[in-house]
Amino acid sequence: MKHPVLGNRVWLIVWWLVWLFLTLGQSLLFYFAYGSFINISLPDSFISLLIYSGIALSLWYPFKFFNSGVTKPTVLISNLVASGAISVTMWVLITKFVMTVVLPAQNNYQAYWDATFPYRVGTGVFIYGLIILTYYLIESLTNISEKNAKEARLESLVKETELKMLRSQINPHFLFNSLNSISSLTVTDPEKARIMIVKLSEFMRYALSRKDELPVSLESELENLRLYLDIEKVRFGDKLTTEENIE
């Protein structure tokens, strides 16, 4: 069994490594858009994607809401597109506000922003698509895990039910009493002990081999009942008398 804390740490490391990779990719993209690296390229990419990572975490809740219950594909797509437009717009506006506050005015950030703005929007849309695909993957893995857990619980329940059915078919008191009687008869009457062993084995064979056979015939049940009574007759002798009246 995987340790839950270790599993969370692994996912957290993967999460930030992916964002670090996206930060480097965005820096390279903006390099081609602007024509050169400047001292604000890496801080801009780092801060902007740090902001986007927070937006990405908050997207999980509307994603779960959109996918809860039965939703028409057109409605689901419309909700995802609207959520994406809001997320990218918020990301762009918050990034612009934070960068203008953090960076000094002489760095000419506005020219850098104007040159990279179309690529910035495209990057935001691309990352939003990756986030939604990742959330669908997480949802699928969660559903598979829950399904496997339910199947394991169901299998355990089936085995427990089969065991209870087997116990109900084989009365332990009857079995123990029969074995005790056989043990006594091996000394006093070995022939009766042999007959009782044969009858008991046939009775057990029927109980174990026919437990999955549904429905069972009346003839089979009567034969098994006669075996049971024959065993009891060996135990009790003349004290037990039976009579059949079967239509």
C-alpha atoms as a PDB file:
ATOM      1  CA  MET A   1       0.000   0.000   0.000  1.00  0.00           C
ATOM      2  CA  LYS A   2       1.341   3.413  -0.976  1.00  0.00           C
ATOM      3  CA  HIS A   3       1.943   5.896   1.805  1.00  0.00           C
ATOM      4  CA  PRO A   4      -0.556   8.785   1.334  1.00  0.00           C
ATOM      5  CA  VAL A   5       1.895  11.488   2.441  1.00  0.00           C
ATOM      6  CA  LEU A   6       4.578  10.206   0.076  1.00  0.00           C
ATOM      7  CA  GLY A   7       2.033  10.062  -2.744  1.00  0.00           C
ATOM      8  CA  ASN A   8       0.983  13.682  -2.128  1.00  0.00           C
ATOM      9  CA  ARG A   9       4.614  14.800  -2.100  1.00  0.00           C
ATOM     10  CA  VAL A  10       5.262  13.084  -5.424  1.00  0.00           C
ATOM     11  CA  TRP A  11       2.244  14.749  -7.018  1.00  0.00           C
ATOM     12  CA  LEU A  12       3.330  18.108  -5.593  1.00  0.00           C
ATOM     13  CA  ILE A  13       6.848  17.706  -7.026  1.00  0.00           C
ATOM     14  CA  VAL A  14       5.456  16.719 -10.424  1.00  0.00           C
ATOM     15  CA  TRP A  15       3.036  19.660 -10.326  1.00  0.00           C
ATOM     16  CA  TRP A  16       5.781  22.246  -9.796  1.00  0.00           C
ATOM     17  CA  LEU A  17       8.182  20.575 -12.226  1.00  0.00           C
ATOM     18  CA  VAL A  18       5.545  20.871 -14.939  1.00  0.00           C
ATOM     19  CA  TRP A  19       5.051  24.557 -14.154  1.00  0.00           C
ATOM     20  CA  LEU A  20       8.822  25.088 -14.181  1.00  0.00           C
ATOM     21  CA  PHE A  21       8.978  23.464 -17.620  1.00  0.00           C
ATOM     22  CA  LEU A  22       6.144  25.716 -18.820  1.00  0.00           C
ATOM     23  CA  THR A  23       7.983  28.754 -17.422  1.00  0.00           C
ATOM     24  CA  LEU A  24      11.101  27.940 -19.425  1.00  0.00           C
ATOM     25  CA  GLY A  25       9.006  27.272 -22.511  1.00  0.00           C
ATOM     26  CA  GLN A  26       7.187  30.582 -22.190  1.00  0.00           C
ATOM     27  CA  SER A  27      10.509  32.408 -21.754  1.00  0.00           C
ATOM     28  CA  LEU A  28      11.818  30.892 -24.986  1.00  0.00           C
ATOM     29  CA  LEU A  29       8.589  31.740 -26.804  1.00  0.00           C
ATOM     30  CA  PHE A  30       8.721  35.352 -25.628  1.00  0.00           C
ATOM     31  CA  TYR A  31      12.389  35.498 -26.665  1.00  0.00           C
ATOM     32  CA  PHE A  32      11.379  34.776 -30.263  1.00  0.00           C
ATOM     33  CA  ALA A  33       8.485  37.244 -29.975  1.00  0.00           C
ATOM     34  CA  TYR A  34      10.555  40.114 -28.543  1.00  0.00           C
ATOM     35  CA  GLY A  35      13.835  39.358 -30.311  1.00  0.00           C
ATOM     36  CA  SER A  36      16.119  39.197 -27.292  1.00  0.00           C
ATOM     37  CA  PHE A  37      16.297  38.284 -23.633  1.00  0.00           C
ATOM     38  CA  ILE A  38      16.019  41.142 -21.189  1.00  0.00           C
ATOM     39  CA  ASN A  39      16.340  41.178 -17.414  1.00  0.00           C
ATOM     40  CA  ILE A  40      12.563  40.927 -17.002  1.00  0.00           C
ATOM     41  CA  SER A  41      12.006  37.832 -19.160  1.00  0.00           C
ATOM     42  CA  LEU A  42      12.472  35.168 -16.507  1.00  0.00           C
ATOM     43  CA  PRO A  43      10.788  37.137 -13.672  1.00  0.00           C
ATOM     44  CA  ASP A  44       7.823  37.835 -15.961  1.00  0.00           C
ATOM     45  CA  SER A  45       7.454  34.175 -16.942  1.00  0.00           C
ATOM     46  CA  PHE A  46       7.931  32.980 -13.384  1.00  0.00           C
ATOM     47  CA  ILE A  47       5.409  35.385 -11.841  1.00  0.00           C
ATOM     48  CA  SER A  48       2.838  34.977 -14.606  1.00  0.00           C
ATOM     49  CA  LEU A  49       2.860  31.174 -14.394  1.00  0.00           C
ATOM     50  CA  LEU A  50       2.897  31.290 -10.597  1.00  0.00           C
ATOM     51  CA  ILE A  51      -0.338  33.268 -10.879  1.00  0.00           C
ATOM     52  CA  TYR A  52      -1.687  30.781 -13.426  1.00  0.00           C
ATOM     53  CA  SER A  53      -0.902  27.858 -11.135  1.00  0.00           C
ATOM     54  CA  GLY A  54      -3.168  29.405  -8.494  1.00  0.00           C
ATOM     55  CA  ILE A  55      -5.910  29.907 -11.090  1.00  0.00           C
ATOM     56  CA  ALA A  56      -5.420  26.301 -12.224  1.00  0.00           C
ATOM     57  CA  LEU A  57      -6.014  25.006  -8.696  1.00  0.00           C
ATOM     58  CA  SER A  58      -9.211  27.046  -8.398  1.00  0.00           C
ATOM     59  CA  LEU A  59     -10.431  25.649 -11.757  1.00  0.00           C
ATOM     60  CA  TRP A  60     -10.875  22.213 -10.160  1.00  0.00           C
ATOM     61  CA  TYR A  61     -14.093  23.270  -8.439  1.00  0.00           C
ATOM     62  CA  PRO A  62     -15.957  24.576 -11.527  1.00  0.00           C
ATOM     63  CA  PHE A  63     -14.612  21.570 -13.455  1.00  0.00           C
ATOM     64  CA  LYS A  64     -16.162  19.187 -10.909  1.00  0.00           C
ATOM     65  CA  PHE A  65     -19.401  21.192 -10.978  1.00  0.00           C
ATOM     66  CA  PHE A  66     -19.608  21.119 -14.786  1.00  0.00           C
ATOM     67  CA  ASN A  67     -19.043  17.360 -14.875  1.00  0.00           C
ATOM     68  CA  SER A  68     -21.360  16.446 -12.005  1.00  0.00           C
ATOM     69  CA  GLY A  69     -24.485  14.595 -13.100  1.00  0.00           C
ATOM     70  CA  VAL A  70     -25.680  14.245 -16.690  1.00  0.00           C
ATOM     71  CA  THR A  71     -24.801  17.293 -18.794  1.00  0.00           C
ATOM     72  CA  LYS A  72     -25.386  17.840 -22.496  1.00  0.00           C
ATOM     73  CA  PRO A  73     -22.120  17.970 -24.501  1.00  0.00           C
ATOM     74  CA  THR A  74     -22.988  21.406 -25.913  1.00  0.00           C
ATOM     75  CA  VAL A  75     -23.638  22.816 -22.440  1.00  0.00           C
ATOM     76  CA  LEU A  76     -20.444  21.255 -21.094  1.00  0.00           C
ATOM     77  CA  ILE A  77     -18.347  22.663 -23.954  1.00  0.00           C
ATOM     78  CA  SER A  78     -19.929  26.111 -23.504  1.00  0.00           C
ATOM     79  CA  ASN A  79     -19.165  26.075 -19.789  1.00  0.00           C
ATOM     80  CA  LEU A  80     -15.555  25.012 -20.375  1.00  0.00           C
ATOM     81  CA  VAL A  81     -15.046  27.683 -23.064  1.00  0.00           C
ATOM     82  CA  ALA A  82     -16.531  30.380 -20.818  1.00  0.00           C
ATOM     83  CA  SER A  83     -14.406  29.200 -17.897  1.00  0.00           C
ATOM     84  CA  GLY A  84     -11.325  29.270 -20.131  1.00  0.00           C
ATOM     85  CA  ALA A  85     -12.039  32.798 -21.375  1.00  0.00           C
ATOM     86  CA  ILE A  86     -12.505  34.062 -17.809  1.00  0.00           C
ATOM     87  CA  SER A  87      -9.368  32.274 -16.591  1.00  0.00           C
ATOM     88  CA  VAL A  88      -7.109  33.579 -19.380  1.00  0.00           C
ATOM     89  CA  THR A  89      -8.479  37.118 -19.000  1.00  0.00           C
ATOM     90  CA  MET A  90      -7.922  37.076 -15.245  1.00  0.00           C
ATOM     91  CA  TRP A  91      -4.421  35.701 -15.735  1.00  0.00           C
ATOM     92  CA  VAL A  92      -3.465  38.404 -18.223  1.00  0.00           C
ATOM     93  CA  LEU A  93      -4.890  41.269 -16.142  1.00  0.00           C
ATOM     94  CA  ILE A  94      -3.427  40.075 -12.831  1.00  0.00           C
ATOM     95  CA  THR A  95      -0.018  39.448 -14.417  1.00  0.00           C
ATOM     96  CA  LYS A  96       0.039  42.924 -15.977  1.00  0.00           C
ATOM     97  CA  PHE A  97      -0.928  44.528 -12.673  1.00  0.00           C
ATOM     98  CA  VAL A  98       1.628  42.613 -10.597  1.00  0.00           C
ATOM     99  CA  MET A  99       4.475  43.152 -13.057  1.00  0.00           C
ATOM    100  CA  THR A 100       3.867  46.895 -13.303  1.00  0.00           C
ATOM    101  CA  VAL A 101       3.950  47.082  -9.506  1.00  0.00           C
ATOM    102  CA  VAL A 102       7.023  44.878  -9.052  1.00  0.00           C
ATOM    103  CA  LEU A 103       9.229  46.166 -11.894  1.00  0.00           C
ATOM    104  CA  PRO A 104      10.696  49.681 -11.970  1.00  0.00           C
ATOM    105  CA  ALA A 105       9.433  51.988 -14.715  1.00  0.00           C
ATOM    106  CA  GLN A 106      12.783  52.293 -16.520  1.00  0.00           C
ATOM    107  CA  ASN A 107      12.748  48.676 -17.638  1.00  0.00           C
ATOM    108  CA  ASN A 108      10.397  49.534 -20.529  1.00  0.00           C
ATOM    109  CA  TYR A 109       8.081  46.682 -19.632  1.00  0.00           C
ATOM    110  CA  GLN A 110       5.215  48.058 -21.740  1.00  0.00           C
ATOM    111  CA  ALA A 111       7.105  47.474 -24.999  1.00  0.00           C
ATOM    112  CA  TYR A 112       7.929  43.946 -23.899  1.00  0.00           C
ATOM    113  CA  TRP A 113       4.276  43.373 -22.963  1.00  0.00           C
ATOM    114  CA  ASP A 114       2.969  44.675 -26.303  1.00  0.00           C
ATOM    115  CA  ALA A 115       5.368  42.433 -28.270  1.00  0.00           C
ATOM    116  CA  THR A 116       4.534  39.304 -26.309  1.00  0.00           C
ATOM    117  CA  PHE A 117       0.801  39.867 -25.738  1.00  0.00           C
ATOM    118  CA  PRO A 118      -0.543  37.704 -28.630  1.00  0.00           C
ATOM    119  CA  TYR A 119       1.813  34.869 -27.663  1.00  0.00           C
ATOM    120  CA  ARG A 120       0.845  35.339 -24.021  1.00  0.00           C
ATOM    121  CA  VAL A 121      -2.848  34.849 -24.830  1.00  0.00           C
ATOM    122  CA  GLY A 122      -2.055  31.822 -26.981  1.00  0.00           C
ATOM    123  CA  THR A 123       0.054  30.360 -24.190  1.00  0.00           C
ATOM    124  CA  GLY A 124      -2.791  30.923 -21.728  1.00  0.00           C
ATOM    125  CA  VAL A 125      -5.266  29.094 -23.973  1.00  0.00           C
ATOM    126  CA  PHE A 126      -2.814  26.223 -24.505  1.00  0.00           C
ATOM    127  CA  ILE A 127      -2.123  25.864 -20.780  1.00  0.00           C
ATOM    128  CA  TYR A 128      -5.849  25.981 -20.025  1.00  0.00           C
ATOM    129  CA  GLY A 129      -6.370  23.081 -22.413  1.00  0.00           C
ATOM    130  CA  LEU A 130      -3.600  21.125 -20.677  1.00  0.00           C
ATOM    131  CA  ILE A 131      -5.178  21.826 -17.277  1.00  0.00           C
ATOM    132  CA  ILE A 132      -8.599  20.550 -18.401  1.00  0.00           C
ATOM    133  CA  LEU A 133      -7.076  17.441 -19.993  1.00  0.00           C
ATOM    134  CA  THR A 134      -5.102  16.801 -16.800  1.00  0.00           C
ATOM    135  CA  TYR A 135      -8.249  17.135 -14.699  1.00  0.00           C
ATOM    136  CA  TYR A 136     -10.093  14.702 -16.966  1.00  0.00           C
ATOM    137  CA  LEU A 137      -7.187  12.278 -16.581  1.00  0.00           C
ATOM    138  CA  ILE A 138      -7.283  12.642 -12.779  1.00  0.00           C
ATOM    139  CA  GLU A 139     -11.060  12.136 -12.815  1.00  0.00           C
ATOM    140  CA  SER A 140     -10.714   8.993 -14.949  1.00  0.00           C
ATOM    141  CA  LEU A 141      -7.992   7.552 -12.706  1.00  0.00           C
ATOM    142  CA  THR A 142     -10.106   8.328  -9.627  1.00  0.00           C
ATOM    143  CA  ASN A 143     -13.148   6.621 -11.160  1.00  0.00           C
ATOM    144  CA  ILE A 144     -11.069   3.570 -12.083  1.00  0.00           C
ATOM    145  CA  SER A 145      -9.643   3.417  -8.568  1.00  0.00           C
ATOM    146  CA  GLU A 146     -13.117   3.690  -7.011  1.00  0.00           C
ATOM    147  CA  LYS A 147     -14.437   1.050  -9.419  1.00  0.00           C
ATOM    148  CA  ASN A 148     -11.626  -1.323  -8.496  1.00  0.00           C
ATOM    149  CA  ALA A 149     -12.275  -0.708  -4.793  1.00  0.00           C
ATOM    150  CA  LYS A 150     -16.003  -1.408  -5.258  1.00  0.00           C
ATOM    151  CA  GLU A 151     -15.231  -4.575  -7.212  1.00  0.00           C
ATOM    152  CA  ALA A 152     -12.857  -5.713  -4.459  1.00  0.00           C
ATOM    153  CA  ARG A 153     -15.520  -5.052  -1.802  1.00  0.00           C
ATOM    154  CA  LEU A 154     -18.124  -6.842  -3.916  1.00  0.00           C
ATOM    155  CA  GLU A 155     -15.821  -9.820  -4.437  1.00  0.00           C
ATOM    156  CA  SER A 156     -15.181  -9.979  -0.700  1.00  0.00           C
ATOM    157  CA  LEU A 157     -18.931  -9.785  -0.060  1.00  0.00           C
ATOM    158  CA  VAL A 158     -19.599 -12.571  -2.577  1.00  0.00           C
ATOM    159  CA  LYS A 159     -17.006 -14.805  -0.934  1.00  0.00           C
ATOM    160  CA  GLU A 160     -18.464 -14.078   2.489  1.00  0.00           C
ATOM    161  CA  THR A 161     -21.961 -14.855   1.179  1.00  0.00           C
ATOM    162  CA  GLU A 162     -20.769 -18.110  -0.382  1.00  0.00           C
ATOM    163  CA  LEU A 163     -19.160 -19.066   2.921  1.00  0.00           C
ATOM    164  CA  LYS A 164     -22.396 -18.327   4.785  1.00  0.00           C
ATOM    165  CA  MET A 165     -24.354 -20.364   2.248  1.00  0.00           C
ATOM    166  CA  LEU A 166     -21.933 -23.247   2.650  1.00  0.00           C
ATOM    167  CA  ARG A 167     -22.254 -23.051   6.414  1.00  0.00           C
ATOM    168  CA  SER A 168     -26.021 -23.073   6.109  1.00  0.00           C
ATOM    169  CA  GLN A 169     -25.866 -26.151   3.865  1.00  0.00           C
ATOM    170  CA  ILE A 170     -23.573 -28.032   6.209  1.00  0.00           C
ATOM    171  CA  ASN A 171     -24.852 -27.933   9.763  1.00  0.00           C
ATOM    172  CA  PRO A 172     -21.695 -28.092  11.914  1.00  0.00           C
ATOM    173  CA  HIS A 173     -23.543 -29.736  14.795  1.00  0.00           C
ATOM    174  CA  PHE A 174     -24.802 -32.461  12.497  1.00  0.00           C
ATOM    175  CA  LEU A 175     -21.301 -33.019  11.117  1.00  0.00           C
ATOM    176  CA  PHE A 176     -19.642 -33.143  14.548  1.00  0.00           C
ATOM    177  CA  ASN A 177     -22.308 -35.447  15.941  1.00  0.00           C
ATOM    178  CA  SER A 178     -21.956 -37.747  12.958  1.00  0.00           C
ATOM    179  CA  LEU A 179     -18.182 -37.911  13.334  1.00  0.00           C
ATOM    180  CA  ASN A 180     -18.526 -38.633  17.041  1.00  0.00           C
ATOM    181  CA  SER A 181     -21.006 -41.409  16.254  1.00  0.00           C
ATOM    182  CA  ILE A 182     -18.637 -42.870  13.651  1.00  0.00           C
ATOM    183  CA  SER A 183     -15.833 -42.784  16.200  1.00  0.00           C
ATOM    184  CA  SER A 184     -17.983 -44.766  18.673  1.00  0.00           C
ATOM    185  CA  LEU A 185     -19.232 -47.221  16.061  1.00  0.00           C
ATOM    186  CA  THR A 186     -15.713 -48.085  14.902  1.00  0.00           C
ATOM    187  CA  VAL A 187     -15.358 -49.863  18.259  1.00  0.00           C
ATOM    188  CA  THR A 188     -18.871 -51.233  18.848  1.00  0.00           C
ATOM    189  CA  ASP A 189     -20.099 -51.882  15.286  1.00  0.00           C
ATOM    190  CA  PRO A 190     -17.491 -51.363  12.525  1.00  0.00           C
ATOM    191  CA  GLU A 191     -19.967 -52.320   9.771  1.00  0.00           C
ATOM    192  CA  LYS A 192     -22.386 -49.565  10.800  1.00  0.00           C
ATOM    193  CA  ALA A 193     -19.450 -47.160  11.016  1.00  0.00           C
ATOM    194  CA  ARG A 194     -18.498 -48.034   7.421  1.00  0.00           C
ATOM    195  CA  ILE A 195     -22.105 -47.526   6.234  1.00  0.00           C
ATOM    196  CA  MET A 196     -22.318 -44.213   8.062  1.00  0.00           C
ATOM    197  CA  ILE A 197     -19.037 -43.008   6.516  1.00  0.00           C
ATOM    198  CA  VAL A 198     -20.347 -43.867   3.031  1.00  0.00           C
ATOM    199  CA  LYS A 199     -23.645 -42.095   3.681  1.00  0.00           C
ATOM    200  CA  LEU A 200     -21.918 -39.055   5.157  1.00  0.00           C
ATOM    201  CA  SER A 201     -19.501 -38.789   2.228  1.00  0.00           C
ATOM    202  CA  GLU A 202     -22.384 -38.943  -0.271  1.00  0.00           C
ATOM    203  CA  PHE A 203     -24.282 -36.310   1.706  1.00  0.00           C
ATOM    204  CA  MET A 204     -21.237 -33.993   1.832  1.00  0.00           C
ATOM    205  CA  ARG A 205     -20.530 -34.536  -1.859  1.00  0.00           C
ATOM    206  CA  TYR A 206     -24.071 -33.452  -2.732  1.00  0.00           C
ATOM    207  CA  ALA A 207     -23.958 -30.413  -0.434  1.00  0.00           C
ATOM    208  CA  LEU A 208     -20.640 -29.200  -1.851  1.00  0.00           C
ATOM    209  CA  SER A 209     -21.103 -30.046  -5.523  1.00  0.00           C
ATOM    210  CA  ARG A 210     -24.678 -28.761  -5.913  1.00  0.00           C
ATOM    211  CA  LYS A 211     -24.299 -25.439  -4.067  1.00  0.00           C
ATOM    212  CA  ASP A 212     -24.164 -23.476  -7.367  1.00  0.00           C
ATOM    213  CA  GLU A 213     -26.847 -25.486  -9.149  1.00  0.00           C
ATOM    214  CA  LEU A 214     -30.047 -23.435  -9.320  1.00  0.00           C
ATOM    215  CA  PRO A 215     -32.776 -24.491  -9.478  1.00  0.00           C
ATOM    216  CA  VAL A 216     -32.417 -27.995  -8.024  1.00  0.00           C
ATOM    217  CA  SER A 217     -34.851 -30.807  -8.748  1.00  0.00           C
ATOM    218  CA  LEU A 218     -37.198 -32.180  -6.112  1.00  0.00           C
ATOM    219  CA  GLU A 219     -35.792 -35.637  -6.755  1.00  0.00           C
ATOM    220  CA  SER A 220     -32.258 -34.505  -5.897  1.00  0.00           C
ATOM    221  CA  GLU A 221     -33.402 -32.809  -2.706  1.00  0.00           C
ATOM    222  CA  LEU A 222     -35.346 -35.894  -1.649  1.00  0.00           C
ATOM    223  CA  GLU A 223     -32.336 -38.108  -2.267  1.00  0.00           C
ATOM    224  CA  ASN A 224     -30.196 -35.820  -0.142  1.00  0.00           C
ATOM    225  CA  LEU A 225     -32.852 -35.747   2.562  1.00  0.00           C
ATOM    226  CA  ARG A 226     -32.935 -39.580   2.593  1.00  0.00           C
ATOM    227  CA  LEU A 227     -29.146 -39.625   3.022  1.00  0.00           C
ATOM    228  CA  TYR A 228     -29.477 -37.288   5.985  1.00  0.00           C
ATOM    229  CA  LEU A 229     -32.169 -39.487   7.564  1.00  0.00           C
ATOM    230  CA  ASP A 230     -30.158 -42.653   6.917  1.00  0.00           C
ATOM    231  CA  ILE A 231     -27.223 -41.141   8.802  1.00  0.00           C
ATOM    232  CA  GLU A 232     -29.480 -40.173  11.689  1.00  0.00           C
ATOM    233  CA  LYS A 233     -31.007 -43.653  11.716  1.00  0.00           C
ATOM    234  CA  VAL A 234     -27.537 -45.169  12.125  1.00  0.00           C
ATOM    235  CA  ARG A 235     -27.008 -42.845  15.072  1.00  0.00           C
ATOM    236  CA  PHE A 236     -30.368 -43.311  16.773  1.00  0.00           C
ATOM    237  CA  GLY A 237     -31.355 -46.795  15.567  1.00  0.00           C
ATOM    238  CA  ASP A 238     -34.971 -47.771  16.314  1.00  0.00           C
ATOM    239  CA  LYS A 239     -35.568 -44.527  18.174  1.00  0.00           C
ATOM    240  CA  LEU A 240     -35.980 -42.735  14.825  1.00  0.00           C
ATOM    241  CA  THR A 241     -38.699 -43.748  12.391  1.00  0.00           C
ATOM    242  CA  THR A 242     -39.660 -41.873   9.211  1.00  0.00           C
ATOM    243  CA  GLU A 243     -42.482 -42.022   6.729  1.00  0.00           C
ATOM    244  CA  GLU A 244     -42.672 -40.509   3.241  1.00  0.00           C
ATOM    245  CA  ASN A 245     -45.893 -39.124   1.828  1.00  0.00           C
ATOM    246  CA  ILE A 246     -44.915 -37.355  -1.406  1.00  0.00           C
ATOM    247  CA  GLU A 247     -47.263 -36.593  -4.277  1.00  0.00           C
END
